[in-house]
């Protein structure tokens, strides 16, 4: 059996890889990173160190575009409800690589989906099997999917960070700044208003660059589209990052129900072009 561990440079994927290495032997697992070309510099450095710590071969594959370039090309800006960036740069890229390189009858793919999100893993697994089995018609069942973080004894996030510290890895800058994830340098388009407020407070230059990129996409599409939504007055309409920033600077409160969120990059596995 071939054991492929998705390795996104976050604490959960590192822990998943360590658990796989413990169970199957480090020589029997492979790490694969689908690179968005948009991660924090510290995350890239941490990911390389973490892969060396695991000791398994790391394979990095990339589409070559950033999320903003994908928004331009797909003519759709990412938001809390849709993520063309993750679809193109993560999900499609991974499945098409699996199609080209792995025997579906002899491959298990492992993800860092936490035990507290077991329902998310069940939905994801069904989508993976449906798309592989139907779209590629390679096998009746497709690849097996598993998450080592669902194996008992369960490990909490604090325990994961403590484990990494004992292994000589530092705490990523994003985690130290209060982010619950290490996705896209804190600029994940699926995060809500609370997440963007946090970015403005912690990394104002990064926020302003996203503001500029969002406006460029709007001009390119010629449409009133935005990452965030304004629900004031009982109606919902697009709200640009610039508008949101100005509101915060005027002292207006953000919608805390739209929290940090995160892209859940592989949780929305969907159709893949079998010719890609």
C-alpha atoms as a PDB file:
ATOM      1  CA  UNK A   1       0.000   0.000   0.000  1.00  0.00           C
ATOM      2  CA  UNK A   2       1.287   3.449  -0.944  1.00  0.00           C
ATOM      3  CA  UNK A   3       0.807   6.090   1.777  1.00  0.00           C
ATOM      4  CA  UNK A   4       0.524   9.683   0.501  1.00  0.00           C
ATOM      5  CA  UNK A   5       0.288  12.409   3.164  1.00  0.00           C
ATOM      6  CA  UNK A   6      -0.920  15.860   2.121  1.00  0.00           C
ATOM      7  CA  UNK A   7       1.491  18.334   3.674  1.00  0.00           C
ATOM      8  CA  UNK A   8       0.284  21.938   3.756  1.00  0.00           C
ATOM      9  CA  UNK A   9       2.952  23.335   6.129  1.00  0.00           C
ATOM     10  CA  UNK A  10       0.490  23.691   8.998  1.00  0.00           C
ATOM     11  CA  UNK A  11       0.637  22.058  12.411  1.00  0.00           C
ATOM     12  CA  UNK A  12      -2.142  19.544  11.647  1.00  0.00           C
ATOM     13  CA  UNK A  13      -0.522  18.202   8.473  1.00  0.00           C
ATOM     14  CA  UNK A  14       2.821  17.844  10.285  1.00  0.00           C
ATOM     15  CA  UNK A  15       1.154  15.905  13.079  1.00  0.00           C
ATOM     16  CA  UNK A  16      -0.664  13.694  10.544  1.00  0.00           C
ATOM     17  CA  UNK A  17       2.647  12.940   8.843  1.00  0.00           C
ATOM     18  CA  UNK A  18       4.330  12.078  12.161  1.00  0.00           C
ATOM     19  CA  UNK A  19       1.518   9.689  13.072  1.00  0.00           C
ATOM     20  CA  UNK A  20       1.729   8.020   9.647  1.00  0.00           C
ATOM     21  CA  UNK A  21       5.493   7.664  10.006  1.00  0.00           C
ATOM     22  CA  UNK A  22       5.008   6.097  13.420  1.00  0.00           C
ATOM     23  CA  UNK A  23       2.452   3.588  12.132  1.00  0.00           C
ATOM     24  CA  UNK A  24       3.859   2.689   8.701  1.00  0.00           C
ATOM     25  CA  UNK A  25       7.533   3.626   8.935  1.00  0.00           C
ATOM     26  CA  UNK A  26       8.966   6.854   7.548  1.00  0.00           C
ATOM     27  CA  UNK A  27      10.402   4.992   4.547  1.00  0.00           C
ATOM     28  CA  UNK A  28       6.878   3.973   3.524  1.00  0.00           C
ATOM     29  CA  UNK A  29       5.216   7.390   3.396  1.00  0.00           C
ATOM     30  CA  UNK A  30       5.421  10.278   0.923  1.00  0.00           C
ATOM     31  CA  UNK A  31       4.621  13.932   1.603  1.00  0.00           C
ATOM     32  CA  UNK A  32       2.983  16.026  -1.083  1.00  0.00           C
ATOM     33  CA  UNK A  33       2.501  19.778  -0.886  1.00  0.00           C
ATOM     34  CA  UNK A  34       0.186  21.614  -3.266  1.00  0.00           C
ATOM     35  CA  UNK A  35       1.767  25.065  -3.200  1.00  0.00           C
ATOM     36  CA  UNK A  36      -0.420  28.166  -3.612  1.00  0.00           C
ATOM     37  CA  UNK A  37       2.598  30.469  -4.140  1.00  0.00           C
ATOM     38  CA  UNK A  38       0.923  32.633  -1.504  1.00  0.00           C
ATOM     39  CA  UNK A  39       2.047  31.378   1.898  1.00  0.00           C
ATOM     40  CA  UNK A  40       3.858  33.414   4.532  1.00  0.00           C
ATOM     41  CA  UNK A  41       7.663  33.316   4.281  1.00  0.00           C
ATOM     42  CA  UNK A  42       7.878  31.928   7.803  1.00  0.00           C
ATOM     43  CA  UNK A  43       5.379  29.206   6.861  1.00  0.00           C
ATOM     44  CA  UNK A  44       7.524  28.122   3.923  1.00  0.00           C
ATOM     45  CA  UNK A  45      10.599  27.964   6.153  1.00  0.00           C
ATOM     46  CA  UNK A  46       8.698  26.073   8.848  1.00  0.00           C
ATOM     47  CA  UNK A  47       7.279  23.632   6.304  1.00  0.00           C
ATOM     48  CA  UNK A  48      10.714  22.756   4.980  1.00  0.00           C
ATOM     49  CA  UNK A  49      12.017  22.224   8.507  1.00  0.00           C
ATOM     50  CA  UNK A  50       8.936  20.187   9.419  1.00  0.00           C
ATOM     51  CA  UNK A  51       9.365  17.917   6.389  1.00  0.00           C
ATOM     52  CA  UNK A  52      12.990  17.294   7.359  1.00  0.00           C
ATOM     53  CA  UNK A  53      11.816  16.508  10.866  1.00  0.00           C
ATOM     54  CA  UNK A  54       9.394  13.884   9.545  1.00  0.00           C
ATOM     55  CA  UNK A  55      12.165  12.464   7.387  1.00  0.00           C
ATOM     56  CA  UNK A  56      10.007  11.392   4.446  1.00  0.00           C
ATOM     57  CA  UNK A  57      10.363  12.550   0.868  1.00  0.00           C
ATOM     58  CA  UNK A  58       8.617  15.868   0.199  1.00  0.00           C
ATOM     59  CA  UNK A  59       7.195  16.509  -3.268  1.00  0.00           C
ATOM     60  CA  UNK A  60       6.009  20.052  -4.034  1.00  0.00           C
ATOM     61  CA  UNK A  61       3.616  20.558  -6.943  1.00  0.00           C
ATOM     62  CA  UNK A  62       2.204  23.895  -8.066  1.00  0.00           C
ATOM     63  CA  UNK A  63      -0.058  25.347 -10.701  1.00  0.00           C
ATOM     64  CA  UNK A  64       2.200  28.394 -10.788  1.00  0.00           C
ATOM     65  CA  UNK A  65      -0.475  30.994 -10.144  1.00  0.00           C
ATOM     66  CA  UNK A  66      -1.442  32.834  -6.969  1.00  0.00           C
ATOM     67  CA  UNK A  67      -5.047  32.968  -5.745  1.00  0.00           C
ATOM     68  CA  UNK A  68      -5.450  36.460  -7.221  1.00  0.00           C
ATOM     69  CA  UNK A  69      -4.334  35.245 -10.636  1.00  0.00           C
ATOM     70  CA  UNK A  70      -6.849  32.403 -10.392  1.00  0.00           C
ATOM     71  CA  UNK A  71      -9.613  34.919  -9.629  1.00  0.00           C
ATOM     72  CA  UNK A  72      -8.701  36.811 -12.772  1.00  0.00           C
ATOM     73  CA  UNK A  73      -8.592  33.684 -14.930  1.00  0.00           C
ATOM     74  CA  UNK A  74     -11.774  32.073 -13.575  1.00  0.00           C
ATOM     75  CA  UNK A  75     -13.576  35.437 -13.560  1.00  0.00           C
ATOM     76  CA  UNK A  76     -14.707  34.833 -10.006  1.00  0.00           C
ATOM     77  CA  UNK A  77     -13.420  36.378  -6.797  1.00  0.00           C
ATOM     78  CA  UNK A  78     -13.071  34.065  -3.825  1.00  0.00           C
ATOM     79  CA  UNK A  79     -15.225  34.700  -0.774  1.00  0.00           C
ATOM     80  CA  UNK A  80     -16.610  32.993   2.312  1.00  0.00           C
ATOM     81  CA  UNK A  81     -18.896  30.831   0.161  1.00  0.00           C
ATOM     82  CA  UNK A  82     -16.717  29.892  -2.805  1.00  0.00           C
ATOM     83  CA  UNK A  83     -13.011  29.269  -3.231  1.00  0.00           C
ATOM     84  CA  UNK A  84     -11.850  28.928  -6.837  1.00  0.00           C
ATOM     85  CA  UNK A  85      -8.313  29.368  -5.470  1.00  0.00           C
ATOM     86  CA  UNK A  86      -8.438  26.188  -3.379  1.00  0.00           C
ATOM     87  CA  UNK A  87     -10.303  24.321  -6.101  1.00  0.00           C
ATOM     88  CA  UNK A  88      -7.670  25.079  -8.739  1.00  0.00           C
ATOM     89  CA  UNK A  89      -4.480  25.326  -6.681  1.00  0.00           C
ATOM     90  CA  UNK A  90      -5.203  22.549  -4.182  1.00  0.00           C
ATOM     91  CA  UNK A  91      -7.977  20.090  -4.986  1.00  0.00           C
ATOM     92  CA  UNK A  92      -7.787  19.728  -8.739  1.00  0.00           C
ATOM     93  CA  UNK A  93      -4.008  19.781  -8.649  1.00  0.00           C
ATOM     94  CA  UNK A  94      -3.849  16.974  -6.092  1.00  0.00           C
ATOM     95  CA  UNK A  95      -6.412  14.710  -7.714  1.00  0.00           C
ATOM     96  CA  UNK A  96      -4.939  15.105 -11.174  1.00  0.00           C
ATOM     97  CA  UNK A  97      -1.502  14.249  -9.749  1.00  0.00           C
ATOM     98  CA  UNK A  98      -2.981  11.165  -8.088  1.00  0.00           C
ATOM     99  CA  UNK A  99      -4.609  10.140 -11.363  1.00  0.00           C
ATOM    100  CA  UNK A 100      -1.299  10.384 -13.192  1.00  0.00           C
ATOM    101  CA  UNK A 101       0.935   8.833 -10.551  1.00  0.00           C
ATOM    102  CA  UNK A 102      -0.921   6.493  -8.198  1.00  0.00           C
ATOM    103  CA  UNK A 103      -2.761   3.193  -8.453  1.00  0.00           C
ATOM    104  CA  UNK A 104      -6.184   3.798  -6.864  1.00  0.00           C
ATOM    105  CA  UNK A 105      -6.323   0.182  -5.682  1.00  0.00           C
ATOM    106  CA  UNK A 106      -3.033   0.506  -3.813  1.00  0.00           C
ATOM    107  CA  UNK A 107      -2.998   4.087  -2.492  1.00  0.00           C
ATOM    108  CA  UNK A 108      -4.262   5.727   0.679  1.00  0.00           C
ATOM    109  CA  UNK A 109      -4.240   9.519   0.914  1.00  0.00           C
ATOM    110  CA  UNK A 110      -3.977  11.067   4.374  1.00  0.00           C
ATOM    111  CA  UNK A 111      -5.218  14.512   5.410  1.00  0.00           C
ATOM    112  CA  UNK A 112      -4.753  16.573   8.557  1.00  0.00           C
ATOM    113  CA  UNK A 113      -8.458  16.778   9.383  1.00  0.00           C
ATOM    114  CA  UNK A 114      -8.899  16.965  13.142  1.00  0.00           C
ATOM    115  CA  UNK A 115     -11.078  14.622  15.214  1.00  0.00           C
ATOM    116  CA  UNK A 116     -13.238  17.607  16.214  1.00  0.00           C
ATOM    117  CA  UNK A 117     -14.136  17.866  12.505  1.00  0.00           C
ATOM    118  CA  UNK A 118     -15.038  14.201  11.951  1.00  0.00           C
ATOM    119  CA  UNK A 119     -18.253  15.188  10.162  1.00  0.00           C
ATOM    120  CA  UNK A 120     -16.206  17.294   7.753  1.00  0.00           C
ATOM    121  CA  UNK A 121     -13.998  14.288   6.973  1.00  0.00           C
ATOM    122  CA  UNK A 122     -17.035  12.074   6.264  1.00  0.00           C
ATOM    123  CA  UNK A 123     -18.414  14.582   3.758  1.00  0.00           C
ATOM    124  CA  UNK A 124     -15.007  15.000   2.178  1.00  0.00           C
ATOM    125  CA  UNK A 125     -14.438  11.235   1.854  1.00  0.00           C
ATOM    126  CA  UNK A 126     -17.760  10.737   0.078  1.00  0.00           C
ATOM    127  CA  UNK A 127     -16.928  13.522  -2.389  1.00  0.00           C
ATOM    128  CA  UNK A 128     -13.460  12.130  -3.045  1.00  0.00           C
ATOM    129  CA  UNK A 129     -14.772   8.645  -3.779  1.00  0.00           C
ATOM    130  CA  UNK A 130     -17.597   9.952  -5.972  1.00  0.00           C
ATOM    131  CA  UNK A 131     -15.355  12.138  -8.108  1.00  0.00           C
ATOM    132  CA  UNK A 132     -12.553   9.635  -8.478  1.00  0.00           C
ATOM    133  CA  UNK A 133     -14.848   6.702  -9.172  1.00  0.00           C
ATOM    134  CA  UNK A 134     -17.161   8.435 -11.617  1.00  0.00           C
ATOM    135  CA  UNK A 135     -15.000  11.026 -13.347  1.00  0.00           C
ATOM    136  CA  UNK A 136     -11.895   8.920 -13.784  1.00  0.00           C
ATOM    137  CA  UNK A 137     -13.465   5.443 -13.830  1.00  0.00           C
ATOM    138  CA  UNK A 138     -10.234   3.910 -12.617  1.00  0.00           C
ATOM    139  CA  UNK A 139     -11.707   1.696  -9.929  1.00  0.00           C
ATOM    140  CA  UNK A 140     -14.944   0.911  -8.194  1.00  0.00           C
ATOM    141  CA  UNK A 141     -13.876   2.701  -5.045  1.00  0.00           C
ATOM    142  CA  UNK A 142     -11.056   5.077  -5.932  1.00  0.00           C
ATOM    143  CA  UNK A 143      -8.322   5.909  -3.472  1.00  0.00           C
ATOM    144  CA  UNK A 144      -8.817   5.311   0.198  1.00  0.00           C
ATOM    145  CA  UNK A 145      -8.836   8.472   2.310  1.00  0.00           C
ATOM    146  CA  UNK A 146      -7.913   8.684   5.975  1.00  0.00           C
ATOM    147  CA  UNK A 147      -6.969  11.226   8.633  1.00  0.00           C
ATOM    148  CA  UNK A 148      -4.480  10.191  11.316  1.00  0.00           C
ATOM    149  CA  UNK A 149      -5.918  12.872  13.593  1.00  0.00           C
ATOM    150  CA  UNK A 150      -9.049  10.720  13.835  1.00  0.00           C
ATOM    151  CA  UNK A 151      -6.992   7.856  15.233  1.00  0.00           C
ATOM    152  CA  UNK A 152      -7.098   7.332  18.978  1.00  0.00           C
ATOM    153  CA  UNK A 153      -5.747   8.516  21.307  1.00  0.00           C
ATOM    154  CA  UNK A 154      -6.980  11.881  20.081  1.00  0.00           C
ATOM    155  CA  UNK A 155      -4.583  14.822  20.093  1.00  0.00           C
ATOM    156  CA  UNK A 156      -5.636  18.418  20.778  1.00  0.00           C
ATOM    157  CA  UNK A 157      -4.197  21.456  19.029  1.00  0.00           C
ATOM    158  CA  UNK A 158      -2.238  22.541  22.113  1.00  0.00           C
ATOM    159  CA  UNK A 159      -0.716  19.064  22.279  1.00  0.00           C
ATOM    160  CA  UNK A 160       0.288  19.281  18.615  1.00  0.00           C
ATOM    161  CA  UNK A 161       2.124  22.548  19.185  1.00  0.00           C
ATOM    162  CA  UNK A 162       3.825  21.156  22.289  1.00  0.00           C
ATOM    163  CA  UNK A 163       4.880  18.067  20.345  1.00  0.00           C
ATOM    164  CA  UNK A 164       6.374  20.208  17.579  1.00  0.00           C
ATOM    165  CA  UNK A 165       8.237  22.275  20.179  1.00  0.00           C
ATOM    166  CA  UNK A 166       9.720  19.129  21.714  1.00  0.00           C
ATOM    167  CA  UNK A 167      10.852  18.110  18.231  1.00  0.00           C
ATOM    168  CA  UNK A 168      12.777  21.364  17.872  1.00  0.00           C
ATOM    169  CA  UNK A 169      10.322  23.225  15.615  1.00  0.00           C
ATOM    170  CA  UNK A 170       9.461  26.833  16.349  1.00  0.00           C
ATOM    171  CA  UNK A 171       5.957  28.259  16.582  1.00  0.00           C
ATOM    172  CA  UNK A 172       4.937  29.756  13.262  1.00  0.00           C
ATOM    173  CA  UNK A 173       4.542  33.531  13.217  1.00  0.00           C
ATOM    174  CA  UNK A 174       0.890  33.236  12.199  1.00  0.00           C
ATOM    175  CA  UNK A 175       0.033  31.052  15.182  1.00  0.00           C
ATOM    176  CA  UNK A 176       1.968  33.409  17.479  1.00  0.00           C
ATOM    177  CA  UNK A 177      -0.115  36.302  16.136  1.00  0.00           C
ATOM    178  CA  UNK A 178      -3.328  34.527  17.051  1.00  0.00           C
ATOM    179  CA  UNK A 179      -4.308  32.871  13.794  1.00  0.00           C
ATOM    180  CA  UNK A 180      -6.002  29.455  14.208  1.00  0.00           C
ATOM    181  CA  UNK A 181      -4.500  28.312  10.894  1.00  0.00           C
ATOM    182  CA  UNK A 182      -1.458  28.956   8.712  1.00  0.00           C
ATOM    183  CA  UNK A 183      -3.292  29.476   5.428  1.00  0.00           C
ATOM    184  CA  UNK A 184      -2.139  32.015   2.847  1.00  0.00           C
ATOM    185  CA  UNK A 185      -0.335  34.315   5.247  1.00  0.00           C
ATOM    186  CA  UNK A 186      -3.558  35.177   7.073  1.00  0.00           C
ATOM    187  CA  UNK A 187      -5.123  36.341   3.790  1.00  0.00           C
ATOM    188  CA  UNK A 188      -7.507  33.436   3.174  1.00  0.00           C
ATOM    189  CA  UNK A 189     -10.554  34.713   1.274  1.00  0.00           C
ATOM    190  CA  UNK A 190     -12.825  32.283   3.102  1.00  0.00           C
ATOM    191  CA  UNK A 191     -12.238  33.939   6.446  1.00  0.00           C
ATOM    192  CA  UNK A 192     -14.929  36.296   7.665  1.00  0.00           C
ATOM    193  CA  UNK A 193     -14.893  39.869   8.892  1.00  0.00           C
ATOM    194  CA  UNK A 194     -13.174  38.982  12.169  1.00  0.00           C
ATOM    195  CA  UNK A 195     -10.301  37.423  10.251  1.00  0.00           C
ATOM    196  CA  UNK A 196      -9.851  40.429   7.988  1.00  0.00           C
ATOM    197  CA  UNK A 197      -9.974  42.760  10.986  1.00  0.00           C
ATOM    198  CA  UNK A 198      -7.222  40.686  12.565  1.00  0.00           C
ATOM    199  CA  UNK A 199      -5.142  40.962   9.382  1.00  0.00           C
ATOM    200  CA  UNK A 200      -5.543  44.744   9.348  1.00  0.00           C
ATOM    201  CA  UNK A 201      -4.393  44.921  12.973  1.00  0.00           C
ATOM    202  CA  UNK A 202      -1.488  42.499  12.710  1.00  0.00           C
ATOM    203  CA  UNK A 203      -0.344  42.936   9.114  1.00  0.00           C
ATOM    204  CA  UNK A 204      -1.675  46.230   7.729  1.00  0.00           C
ATOM    205  CA  UNK A 205       0.631  46.204   4.682  1.00  0.00           C
ATOM    206  CA  UNK A 206      -0.665  42.755   3.697  1.00  0.00           C
ATOM    207  CA  UNK A 207      -4.244  43.974   4.139  1.00  0.00           C
ATOM    208  CA  UNK A 208      -3.679  46.990   1.910  1.00  0.00           C
ATOM    209  CA  UNK A 209      -2.122  44.783  -0.774  1.00  0.00           C
ATOM    210  CA  UNK A 210      -5.209  42.533  -0.692  1.00  0.00           C
ATOM    211  CA  UNK A 211      -7.357  45.636  -0.929  1.00  0.00           C
ATOM    212  CA  UNK A 212      -5.438  46.656  -4.054  1.00  0.00           C
ATOM    213  CA  UNK A 213      -5.685  43.188  -5.582  1.00  0.00           C
ATOM    214  CA  UNK A 214      -9.417  43.003  -4.915  1.00  0.00           C
ATOM    215  CA  UNK A 215      -9.991  46.293  -6.707  1.00  0.00           C
ATOM    216  CA  UNK A 216      -7.912  45.065  -9.663  1.00  0.00           C
ATOM    217  CA  UNK A 217     -10.150  41.987  -9.957  1.00  0.00           C
ATOM    218  CA  UNK A 218     -13.272  44.154  -9.735  1.00  0.00           C
ATOM    219  CA  UNK A 219     -12.001  46.372 -12.548  1.00  0.00           C
ATOM    220  CA  UNK A 220     -11.043  43.330 -14.624  1.00  0.00           C
ATOM    221  CA  UNK A 221     -14.490  41.769 -14.250  1.00  0.00           C
ATOM    222  CA  UNK A 222     -16.405  45.032 -14.492  1.00  0.00           C
ATOM    223  CA  UNK A 223     -18.687  43.873 -11.689  1.00  0.00           C
ATOM    224  CA  UNK A 224     -19.554  44.901  -8.151  1.00  0.00           C
ATOM    225  CA  UNK A 225     -18.062  41.831  -6.491  1.00  0.00           C
ATOM    226  CA  UNK A 226     -16.128  41.565  -3.238  1.00  0.00           C
ATOM    227  CA  UNK A 227     -14.736  39.110  -0.734  1.00  0.00           C
ATOM    228  CA  UNK A 228     -16.937  40.309   2.134  1.00  0.00           C
ATOM    229  CA  UNK A 229     -20.656  40.942   2.480  1.00  0.00           C
ATOM    230  CA  UNK A 230     -22.562  43.807   4.065  1.00  0.00           C
ATOM    231  CA  UNK A 231     -25.746  42.643   5.800  1.00  0.00           C
ATOM    232  CA  UNK A 232     -26.781  45.963   7.306  1.00  0.00           C
ATOM    233  CA  UNK A 233     -30.381  47.031   6.804  1.00  0.00           C
ATOM    234  CA  UNK A 234     -31.647  43.508   6.235  1.00  0.00           C
ATOM    235  CA  UNK A 235     -30.161  43.188   2.767  1.00  0.00           C
ATOM    236  CA  UNK A 236     -26.938  41.543   1.640  1.00  0.00           C
ATOM    237  CA  UNK A 237     -24.589  43.219  -0.788  1.00  0.00           C
ATOM    238  CA  UNK A 238     -20.866  43.047  -1.613  1.00  0.00           C
ATOM    239  CA  UNK A 239     -18.523  44.940   0.692  1.00  0.00           C
ATOM    240  CA  UNK A 240     -15.001  45.674  -0.495  1.00  0.00           C
ATOM    241  CA  UNK A 241     -11.976  45.405   1.750  1.00  0.00           C
ATOM    242  CA  UNK A 242     -11.522  49.173   1.388  1.00  0.00           C
ATOM    243  CA  UNK A 243     -15.060  49.857   2.616  1.00  0.00           C
ATOM    244  CA  UNK A 244     -14.566  47.448   5.496  1.00  0.00           C
ATOM    245  CA  UNK A 245     -11.266  49.093   6.476  1.00  0.00           C
ATOM    246  CA  UNK A 246     -12.816  52.567   6.459  1.00  0.00           C
ATOM    247  CA  UNK A 247     -15.652  51.343   8.653  1.00  0.00           C
ATOM    248  CA  UNK A 248     -13.225  49.909  11.160  1.00  0.00           C
ATOM    249  CA  UNK A 249     -11.198  53.117  11.154  1.00  0.00           C
ATOM    250  CA  UNK A 250     -14.409  55.032  11.887  1.00  0.00           C
ATOM    251  CA  UNK A 251     -14.899  52.861  14.956  1.00  0.00           C
ATOM    252  CA  UNK A 252     -17.739  50.734  13.602  1.00  0.00           C
ATOM    253  CA  UNK A 253     -17.935  47.146  14.820  1.00  0.00           C
ATOM    254  CA  UNK A 254     -17.397  44.164  12.550  1.00  0.00           C
ATOM    255  CA  UNK A 255     -19.622  41.103  12.339  1.00  0.00           C
ATOM    256  CA  UNK A 256     -17.946  38.703  14.785  1.00  0.00           C
ATOM    257  CA  UNK A 257     -20.216  35.895  13.606  1.00  0.00           C
ATOM    258  CA  UNK A 258     -18.012  35.917  10.511  1.00  0.00           C
ATOM    259  CA  UNK A 259     -15.003  34.600  12.357  1.00  0.00           C
ATOM    260  CA  UNK A 260     -11.472  33.643  11.386  1.00  0.00           C
ATOM    261  CA  UNK A 261     -12.645  30.711   9.348  1.00  0.00           C
ATOM    262  CA  UNK A 262     -10.183  29.083   7.025  1.00  0.00           C
ATOM    263  CA  UNK A 263     -10.165  27.689   3.555  1.00  0.00           C
ATOM    264  CA  UNK A 264     -10.735  24.015   4.439  1.00  0.00           C
ATOM    265  CA  UNK A 265      -8.789  23.505   1.212  1.00  0.00           C
ATOM    266  CA  UNK A 266      -9.495  19.810   0.752  1.00  0.00           C
ATOM    267  CA  UNK A 267     -12.886  19.674   2.463  1.00  0.00           C
ATOM    268  CA  UNK A 268     -14.733  20.744  -0.666  1.00  0.00           C
ATOM    269  CA  UNK A 269     -13.361  18.159  -3.123  1.00  0.00           C
ATOM    270  CA  UNK A 270     -15.308  18.594  -6.312  1.00  0.00           C
ATOM    271  CA  UNK A 271     -15.136  17.868  -9.997  1.00  0.00           C
ATOM    272  CA  UNK A 272     -11.736  17.543 -11.647  1.00  0.00           C
ATOM    273  CA  UNK A 273     -10.835  17.715 -15.300  1.00  0.00           C
ATOM    274  CA  UNK A 274      -9.557  14.201 -16.102  1.00  0.00           C
ATOM    275  CA  UNK A 275      -7.620  15.560 -19.078  1.00  0.00           C
ATOM    276  CA  UNK A 276      -5.563  17.967 -16.956  1.00  0.00           C
END
